[in-house]
PDB file of N, CA and C in Angstrom:
ATOM      1  N   MET A   1     -39.321 109.708 -88.526  1.00  0.00           N
ATOM      2  CA  MET A   1     -40.210 109.537 -88.581  1.00  0.00           C
ATOM      3  C   MET A   1     -41.085 110.544 -89.567  1.00  0.00           C
ATOM      4  N   SER A   2     -42.116 110.374 -90.121  1.00  0.00           N
ATOM      5  CA  SER A   2     -42.738 111.021 -91.122  1.00  0.00           C
ATOM      6  C   SER A   2     -43.738 111.534 -90.976  1.00  0.00           C
ATOM      7  N   VAL A   3     -44.228 112.448 -91.854  1.00  0.00           N
ATOM      8  CA  VAL A   3     -45.676 113.010 -91.618  1.00  0.00           C
ATOM      9  C   VAL A   3     -46.704 113.171 -92.824  1.00  0.00           C
ATOM     10  N   LYS A   4     -47.992 112.606 -92.631  1.00  0.00           N
ATOM     11  CA  LYS A   4     -48.896 112.568 -93.695  1.00  0.00           C
ATOM     12  C   LYS A   4     -49.814 113.184 -93.538  1.00  0.00           C
ATOM     13  N   ILE A   5     -50.147 114.025 -94.223  1.00  0.00           N
ATOM     14  CA  ILE A   5     -51.353 114.876 -94.181  1.00  0.00           C
ATOM     15  C   ILE A   5     -52.296 114.577 -95.404  1.00  0.00           C
ATOM     16  N   ALA A   6     -53.231 115.010 -94.951  1.00  0.00           N
ATOM     17  CA  ALA A   6     -54.871 114.760 -95.945  1.00  0.00           C
ATOM     18  C   ALA A   6     -55.274 115.808 -96.582  1.00  0.00           C
ATOM     19  N   VAL A   7     -55.934 116.517 -97.510  1.00  0.00           N
ATOM     20  CA  VAL A   7     -56.548 117.882 -97.925  1.00  0.00           C
ATOM     21  C   VAL A   7     -57.531 117.400 -98.428  1.00  0.00           C
ATOM     22  N   LEU A   8     -58.395 117.483 -97.661  1.00  0.00           N
ATOM     23  CA  LEU A   8     -60.457 117.824 -97.708  1.00  0.00           C
ATOM     24  C   LEU A   8     -60.678 118.882 -99.134  1.00  0.00           C
ATOM     25  N   GLY A   9     -60.495 118.984-100.093  1.00  0.00           N
ATOM     26  CA  GLY A   9     -61.177 119.232-101.285  1.00  0.00           C
ATOM     27  C   GLY A   9     -59.859 120.012-102.034  1.00  0.00           C
ATOM     28  N   HIS A  10     -59.980 120.085-103.513  1.00  0.00           N
ATOM     29  CA  HIS A  10     -59.138 119.836-103.684  1.00  0.00           C
ATOM     30  C   HIS A  10     -59.849 121.293-105.205  1.00  0.00           C
ATOM     31  N   GLY A  11     -60.248 122.108-104.801  1.00  0.00           N
ATOM     32  CA  GLY A  11     -60.469 123.492-105.580  1.00  0.00           C
ATOM     33  C   GLY A  11     -60.125 124.580-105.765  1.00  0.00           C
ATOM     34  N   VAL A  12     -60.153 125.568-105.301  1.00  0.00           N
ATOM     35  CA  VAL A  12     -59.279 126.962-106.060  1.00  0.00           C
ATOM     36  C   VAL A  12     -58.321 126.948-104.354  1.00  0.00           C
ATOM     37  N   VAL A  13     -58.681 126.865-103.567  1.00  0.00           N
ATOM     38  CA  VAL A  13     -57.933 126.890-101.996  1.00  0.00           C
ATOM     39  C   VAL A  13     -57.655 125.222-102.125  1.00  0.00           C
ATOM     40  N   GLY A  14     -57.695 124.131-102.257  1.00  0.00           N
ATOM     41  CA  GLY A  14     -57.061 123.406-101.731  1.00  0.00           C
ATOM     42  C   GLY A  14     -56.001 122.412-102.719  1.00  0.00           C
ATOM     43  N   SER A  15     -56.138 123.053-104.413  1.00  0.00           N
ATOM     44  CA  SER A  15     -55.248 122.812-105.029  1.00  0.00           C
ATOM     45  C   SER A  15     -53.767 123.757-105.265  1.00  0.00           C
ATOM     46  N   GLY A  16     -54.120 125.173-104.628  1.00  0.00           N
ATOM     47  CA  GLY A  16     -53.341 125.789-104.190  1.00  0.00           C
ATOM     48  C   GLY A  16     -52.464 125.595-102.704  1.00  0.00           C
ATOM     49  N   VAL A  17     -53.115 124.786-102.038  1.00  0.00           N
ATOM     50  CA  VAL A  17     -52.001 124.499-100.643  1.00  0.00           C
ATOM     51  C   VAL A  17     -51.205 123.086-101.597  1.00  0.00           C
ATOM     52  N   VAL A  18     -52.057 122.393-102.176  1.00  0.00           N
ATOM     53  CA  VAL A  18     -50.955 120.861-102.633  1.00  0.00           C
ATOM     54  C   VAL A  18     -50.189 121.975-103.745  1.00  0.00           C
ATOM     55  N   GLU A  19     -50.110 122.757-104.526  1.00  0.00           N
ATOM     56  CA  GLU A  19     -49.268 122.907-105.131  1.00  0.00           C
ATOM     57  C   GLU A  19     -48.161 123.909-104.111  1.00  0.00           C
ATOM     58  N   LEU A  20     -48.841 125.071-103.723  1.00  0.00           N
ATOM     59  CA  LEU A  20     -47.380 125.278-102.422  1.00  0.00           C
ATOM     60  C   LEU A  20     -46.948 124.433-101.467  1.00  0.00           C
ATOM     61  N   PHE A  21     -47.170 123.706-101.443  1.00  0.00           N
ATOM     62  CA  PHE A  21     -46.557 122.662-100.351  1.00  0.00           C
ATOM     63  C   PHE A  21     -45.722 122.051-101.296  1.00  0.00           C
ATOM     64  N   TYR A  22     -46.046 121.216-102.123  1.00  0.00           N
ATOM     65  CA  TYR A  22     -44.993 120.756-103.173  1.00  0.00           C
ATOM     66  C   TYR A  22     -43.613 121.860-104.054  1.00  0.00           C
ATOM     67  N   LYS A  23     -44.228 122.732-104.252  1.00  0.00           N
ATOM     68  CA  LYS A  23     -43.287 123.884-104.320  1.00  0.00           C
ATOM     69  C   LYS A  23     -42.272 123.582-103.208  1.00  0.00           C
ATOM     70  N   ASN A  24     -42.597 124.331-101.911  1.00  0.00           N
ATOM     71  CA  ASN A  24     -41.936 124.384-101.020  1.00  0.00           C
ATOM     72  C   ASN A  24     -41.553 123.520-100.311  1.00  0.00           C
ATOM     73  N   LYS A  25     -41.749 122.016-100.748  1.00  0.00           N
ATOM     74  CA  LYS A  25     -41.797 120.929-100.014  1.00  0.00           C
ATOM     75  C   LYS A  25     -40.167 120.940 -99.080  1.00  0.00           C
ATOM     76  N   ALA A  26     -39.034 121.405 -99.819  1.00  0.00           N
ATOM     77  CA  ALA A  26     -37.838 120.618 -98.890  1.00  0.00           C
ATOM     78  C   ALA A  26     -37.624 122.104 -98.323  1.00  0.00           C
ATOM     79  N   SER A  27     -38.551 123.533 -98.435  1.00  0.00           N
ATOM     80  CA  SER A  27     -38.039 124.288 -97.321  1.00  0.00           C
ATOM     81  C   SER A  27     -38.667 124.256 -96.052  1.00  0.00           C
ATOM     82  N   ILE A  28     -40.031 123.699 -96.605  1.00  0.00           N
ATOM     83  CA  ILE A  28     -41.061 122.755 -95.183  1.00  0.00           C
ATOM     84  C   ILE A  28     -40.178 121.930 -94.303  1.00  0.00           C
ATOM     85  N   GLU A  29     -40.096 121.156 -95.135  1.00  0.00           N
ATOM     86  CA  GLU A  29     -39.061 119.506 -93.634  1.00  0.00           C
ATOM     87  C   GLU A  29     -38.247 120.295 -93.118  1.00  0.00           C
ATOM     88  N   LYS A  30     -37.255 121.262 -94.128  1.00  0.00           N
ATOM     89  CA  LYS A  30     -36.354 121.485 -93.326  1.00  0.00           C
ATOM     90  C   LYS A  30     -36.699 121.970 -92.507  1.00  0.00           C
ATOM     91  N   ARG A  31     -37.740 123.276 -91.967  1.00  0.00           N
ATOM     92  CA  ARG A  31     -38.457 123.781 -90.864  1.00  0.00           C
ATOM     93  C   ARG A  31     -38.796 123.005 -90.243  1.00  0.00           C
ATOM     94  N   ALA A  32     -39.572 121.772 -90.326  1.00  0.00           N
ATOM     95  CA  ALA A  32     -40.225 121.358 -89.462  1.00  0.00           C
ATOM     96  C   ALA A  32     -39.250 120.167 -89.070  1.00  0.00           C
ATOM     97  N   GLY A  33     -38.109 119.968 -90.032  1.00  0.00           N
ATOM     98  CA  GLY A  33     -37.307 118.781 -89.279  1.00  0.00           C
ATOM     99  C   GLY A  33     -37.539 117.216 -89.027  1.00  0.00           C
ATOM    100  N   THR A  34     -38.630 117.332 -90.527  1.00  0.00           N
ATOM    101  CA  THR A  34     -39.127 115.967 -90.660  1.00  0.00           C
ATOM    102  C   THR A  34     -39.457 115.872 -92.167  1.00  0.00           C
ATOM    103  N   GLU A  35     -39.700 114.906 -92.683  1.00  0.00           N
ATOM    104  CA  GLU A  35     -39.919 114.420 -93.881  1.00  0.00           C
ATOM    105  C   GLU A  35     -41.461 114.432 -93.814  1.00  0.00           C
ATOM    106  N   ILE A  36     -42.144 115.229 -94.723  1.00  0.00           N
ATOM    107  CA  ILE A  36     -43.878 115.559 -94.764  1.00  0.00           C
ATOM    108  C   ILE A  36     -44.024 115.090 -96.387  1.00  0.00           C
ATOM    109  N   ASP A  37     -45.519 114.353 -96.455  1.00  0.00           N
ATOM    110  CA  ASP A  37     -45.605 114.317 -97.611  1.00  0.00           C
ATOM    111  C   ASP A  37     -47.569 114.153 -97.575  1.00  0.00           C
ATOM    112  N   ILE A  38     -48.157 114.600 -98.597  1.00  0.00           N
ATOM    113  CA  ILE A  38     -49.411 114.596 -98.714  1.00  0.00           C
ATOM    114  C   ILE A  38     -49.612 113.197 -99.341  1.00  0.00           C
ATOM    115  N   LYS A  39     -50.685 112.578 -98.056  1.00  0.00           N
ATOM    116  CA  LYS A  39     -50.756 110.825 -98.662  1.00  0.00           C
ATOM    117  C   LYS A  39     -52.353 110.944 -99.340  1.00  0.00           C
ATOM    118  N   TYR A  40     -53.233 111.953 -98.621  1.00  0.00           N
ATOM    119  CA  TYR A  40     -54.533 112.100 -99.605  1.00  0.00           C
ATOM    120  C   TYR A  40     -55.078 113.282 -99.746  1.00  0.00           C
ATOM    121  N   ILE A  41     -55.802 113.251-100.684  1.00  0.00           N
ATOM    122  CA  ILE A  41     -56.581 114.458-101.475  1.00  0.00           C
ATOM    123  C   ILE A  41     -57.983 114.077-101.486  1.00  0.00           C
ATOM    124  N   LEU A  42     -58.344 114.759-100.482  1.00  0.00           N
ATOM    125  CA  LEU A  42     -60.241 114.114-100.800  1.00  0.00           C
ATOM    126  C   LEU A  42     -61.148 115.160-101.504  1.00  0.00           C
ATOM    127  N   ASP A  43     -61.776 114.394-102.908  1.00  0.00           N
ATOM    128  CA  ASP A  43     -62.595 115.017-103.748  1.00  0.00           C
ATOM    129  C   ASP A  43     -63.708 114.266-104.619  1.00  0.00           C
ATOM    130  N   LEU A  44     -64.624 114.642-104.530  1.00  0.00           N
ATOM    131  CA  LEU A  44     -65.185 113.794-105.213  1.00  0.00           C
ATOM    132  C   LEU A  44     -65.061 113.815-106.691  1.00  0.00           C
ATOM    133  N   ARG A  45     -64.668 114.464-107.159  1.00  0.00           N
ATOM    134  CA  ARG A  45     -64.049 114.667-108.838  1.00  0.00           C
ATOM    135  C   ARG A  45     -63.262 114.232-108.905  1.00  0.00           C
ATOM    136  N   ASP A  46     -62.853 113.806-110.229  1.00  0.00           N
ATOM    137  CA  ASP A  46     -61.912 113.208-110.926  1.00  0.00           C
ATOM    138  C   ASP A  46     -60.890 113.624-111.312  1.00  0.00           C
ATOM    139  N   PHE A  47     -59.372 113.434-111.228  1.00  0.00           N
ATOM    140  CA  PHE A  47     -58.370 114.435-111.961  1.00  0.00           C
ATOM    141  C   PHE A  47     -57.409 113.757-112.336  1.00  0.00           C
ATOM    142  N   PRO A  48     -58.016 113.235-113.398  1.00  0.00           N
ATOM    143  CA  PRO A  48     -57.287 112.202-113.837  1.00  0.00           C
ATOM    144  C   PRO A  48     -55.708 112.389-114.599  1.00  0.00           C
ATOM    145  N   ASP A  49     -55.529 113.835-114.753  1.00  0.00           N
ATOM    146  CA  ASP A  49     -54.435 114.487-115.669  1.00  0.00           C
ATOM    147  C   ASP A  49     -53.528 115.298-114.534  1.00  0.00           C
ATOM    148  N   SER A  50     -54.178 114.798-112.917  1.00  0.00           N
ATOM    149  CA  SER A  50     -53.021 115.619-112.185  1.00  0.00           C
ATOM    150  C   SER A  50     -52.121 115.067-112.206  1.00  0.00           C
ATOM    151  N   PRO A  51     -50.866 115.422-111.676  1.00  0.00           N
ATOM    152  CA  PRO A  51     -49.339 115.206-111.193  1.00  0.00           C
ATOM    153  C   PRO A  51     -49.626 114.273-109.945  1.00  0.00           C
ATOM    154  N   TYR A  52     -50.570 114.144-108.931  1.00  0.00           N
ATOM    155  CA  TYR A  52     -51.298 113.826-108.124  1.00  0.00           C
ATOM    156  C   TYR A  52     -52.356 112.871-107.995  1.00  0.00           C
ATOM    157  N   LYS A  53     -52.475 112.023-109.488  1.00  0.00           N
ATOM    158  CA  LYS A  53     -53.641 111.870-109.304  1.00  0.00           C
ATOM    159  C   LYS A  53     -53.846 110.120-108.098  1.00  0.00           C
ATOM    160  N   ASP A  54     -52.838 109.927-108.051  1.00  0.00           N
ATOM    161  CA  ASP A  54     -52.578 108.720-107.083  1.00  0.00           C
ATOM    162  C   ASP A  54     -53.156 108.877-105.892  1.00  0.00           C
ATOM    163  N   LYS A  55     -53.307 110.429-105.287  1.00  0.00           N
ATOM    164  CA  LYS A  55     -53.726 110.404-104.020  1.00  0.00           C
ATOM    165  C   LYS A  55     -54.679 111.138-103.826  1.00  0.00           C
ATOM    166  N   PHE A  56     -55.689 110.817-104.418  1.00  0.00           N
ATOM    167  CA  PHE A  56     -56.821 111.083-104.535  1.00  0.00           C
ATOM    168  C   PHE A  56     -57.883 109.932-103.866  1.00  0.00           C
ATOM    169  N   THR A  57     -58.520 110.626-103.159  1.00  0.00           N
ATOM    170  CA  THR A  57     -59.659 109.648-102.490  1.00  0.00           C
ATOM    171  C   THR A  57     -60.968 110.372-102.693  1.00  0.00           C
ATOM    172  N   LYS A  58     -62.020 109.538-103.208  1.00  0.00           N
ATOM    173  CA  LYS A  58     -63.609 109.868-102.490  1.00  0.00           C
ATOM    174  C   LYS A  58     -64.312 109.805-101.418  1.00  0.00           C
ATOM    175  N   ASN A  59     -63.144 108.896-100.645  1.00  0.00           N
ATOM    176  CA  ASN A  59     -63.965 107.871 -99.356  1.00  0.00           C
ATOM    177  C   ASN A  59     -63.235 108.934 -98.226  1.00  0.00           C
ATOM    178  N   PHE A  60     -64.156 110.037 -97.348  1.00  0.00           N
ATOM    179  CA  PHE A  60     -63.451 110.274 -96.212  1.00  0.00           C
ATOM    180  C   PHE A  60     -62.999 109.105 -95.150  1.00  0.00           C
ATOM    181  N   ASP A  61     -63.848 107.996 -95.345  1.00  0.00           N
ATOM    182  CA  ASP A  61     -63.469 106.898 -94.494  1.00  0.00           C
ATOM    183  C   ASP A  61     -61.481 106.669 -94.750  1.00  0.00           C
ATOM    184  N   ASP A  62     -60.999 106.616 -95.841  1.00  0.00           N
ATOM    185  CA  ASP A  62     -60.087 106.499 -95.938  1.00  0.00           C
ATOM    186  C   ASP A  62     -59.181 106.895 -95.245  1.00  0.00           C
ATOM    187  N   ILE A  63     -59.446 108.471 -94.412  1.00  0.00           N
ATOM    188  CA  ILE A  63     -58.687 109.722 -93.825  1.00  0.00           C
ATOM    189  C   ILE A  63     -58.928 108.987 -92.231  1.00  0.00           C
ATOM    190  N   LEU A  64     -60.083 109.158 -92.174  1.00  0.00           N
ATOM    191  CA  LEU A  64     -60.464 109.253 -91.094  1.00  0.00           C
ATOM    192  C   LEU A  64     -60.298 107.704 -90.471  1.00  0.00           C
ATOM    193  N   LYS A  65     -60.065 106.528 -91.144  1.00  0.00           N
ATOM    194  CA  LYS A  65     -59.407 105.068 -90.793  1.00  0.00           C
ATOM    195  C   LYS A  65     -58.099 104.985 -90.556  1.00  0.00           C
ATOM    196  N   ASP A  66     -57.217 105.889 -90.907  1.00  0.00           N
ATOM    197  CA  ASP A  66     -55.601 105.922 -91.566  1.00  0.00           C
ATOM    198  C   ASP A  66     -54.991 106.585 -90.532  1.00  0.00           C
ATOM    199  N   ASP A  67     -54.100 105.559 -89.481  1.00  0.00           N
ATOM    200  CA  ASP A  67     -53.772 106.460 -88.324  1.00  0.00           C
ATOM    201  C   ASP A  67     -52.007 107.524 -88.729  1.00  0.00           C
ATOM    202  N   GLU A  68     -52.103 106.911 -89.853  1.00  0.00           N
ATOM    203  CA  GLU A  68     -50.904 107.534 -90.054  1.00  0.00           C
ATOM    204  C   GLU A  68     -50.817 108.780 -90.286  1.00  0.00           C
ATOM    205  N   ILE A  69     -52.378 109.098 -90.960  1.00  0.00           N
ATOM    206  CA  ILE A  69     -52.257 110.721 -90.961  1.00  0.00           C
ATOM    207  C   ILE A  69     -52.789 111.828 -89.865  1.00  0.00           C
ATOM    208  N   VAL A  70     -51.516 112.782 -89.689  1.00  0.00           N
ATOM    209  CA  VAL A  70     -51.926 113.686 -88.869  1.00  0.00           C
ATOM    210  C   VAL A  70     -52.112 114.956 -88.514  1.00  0.00           C
ATOM    211  N   ALA A  71     -52.772 115.138 -89.811  1.00  0.00           N
ATOM    212  CA  ALA A  71     -53.232 116.666 -90.243  1.00  0.00           C
ATOM    213  C   ALA A  71     -54.381 116.669 -91.408  1.00  0.00           C
ATOM    214  N   GLU A  72     -55.347 117.448 -90.723  1.00  0.00           N
ATOM    215  CA  GLU A  72     -55.849 117.319 -92.618  1.00  0.00           C
ATOM    216  C   GLU A  72     -55.975 119.160 -92.669  1.00  0.00           C
ATOM    217  N   ALA A  73     -55.837 119.707 -93.987  1.00  0.00           N
ATOM    218  CA  ALA A  73     -56.441 121.032 -94.426  1.00  0.00           C
ATOM    219  C   ALA A  73     -57.716 121.179 -95.069  1.00  0.00           C
ATOM    220  N   LEU A  74     -58.118 121.866 -94.330  1.00  0.00           N
ATOM    221  CA  LEU A  74     -59.449 121.820 -94.595  1.00  0.00           C
ATOM    222  C   LEU A  74     -59.711 123.620 -95.008  1.00  0.00           C
ATOM    223  N   ALA A  75     -60.609 123.918 -96.419  1.00  0.00           N
ATOM    224  CA  ALA A  75     -60.853 124.895 -96.909  1.00  0.00           C
ATOM    225  C   ALA A  75     -61.972 125.086 -96.773  1.00  0.00           C
ATOM    226  N   GLY A  76     -62.482 126.514 -96.902  1.00  0.00           N
ATOM    227  CA  GLY A  76     -63.554 127.297 -96.906  1.00  0.00           C
ATOM    228  C   GLY A  76     -64.635 127.028 -95.792  1.00  0.00           C
ATOM    229  N   TYR A  77     -63.873 126.785 -94.529  1.00  0.00           N
ATOM    230  CA  TYR A  77     -65.212 127.011 -93.517  1.00  0.00           C
ATOM    231  C   TYR A  77     -64.825 128.171 -92.841  1.00  0.00           C
ATOM    232  N   SER A  78     -65.499 129.305 -92.359  1.00  0.00           N
ATOM    233  CA  SER A  78     -65.471 130.216 -92.137  1.00  0.00           C
ATOM    234  C   SER A  78     -65.853 130.520 -90.128  1.00  0.00           C
ATOM    235  N   GLY A  79     -66.266 129.801 -90.205  1.00  0.00           N
ATOM    236  CA  GLY A  79     -66.592 129.853 -88.404  1.00  0.00           C
ATOM    237  C   GLY A  79     -67.674 129.819 -88.136  1.00  0.00           C
ATOM    238  N   GLY A  80     -68.308 130.193 -89.295  1.00  0.00           N
ATOM    239  CA  GLY A  80     -69.821 130.677 -88.731  1.00  0.00           C
ATOM    240  C   GLY A  80     -69.877 131.899 -88.196  1.00  0.00           C
ATOM    241  N   SER A  81     -71.579 132.547 -87.501  1.00  0.00           N
ATOM    242  CA  SER A  81     -71.457 133.471 -86.486  1.00  0.00           C
ATOM    243  C   SER A  81     -72.890 132.987 -85.977  1.00  0.00           C
TER     244      SER A  81
END
């Protein structure tokens, strides 16, 4: 089994999540006991020079309709009060 995740947003936090995930991918997979990969990065901006440019989407429905996605990482939500 392989786990696919989506990162919602590629600002300071989202890009950091992606960077740290790939930097620590082997360790994360070892602890999880399965292969894990980022399938989508959702952002309205273009990142043509990114090493992950093939993972970007501007359409949230791509993520919602994808049965492989098991987790989303969303930055910037404070929970409100």
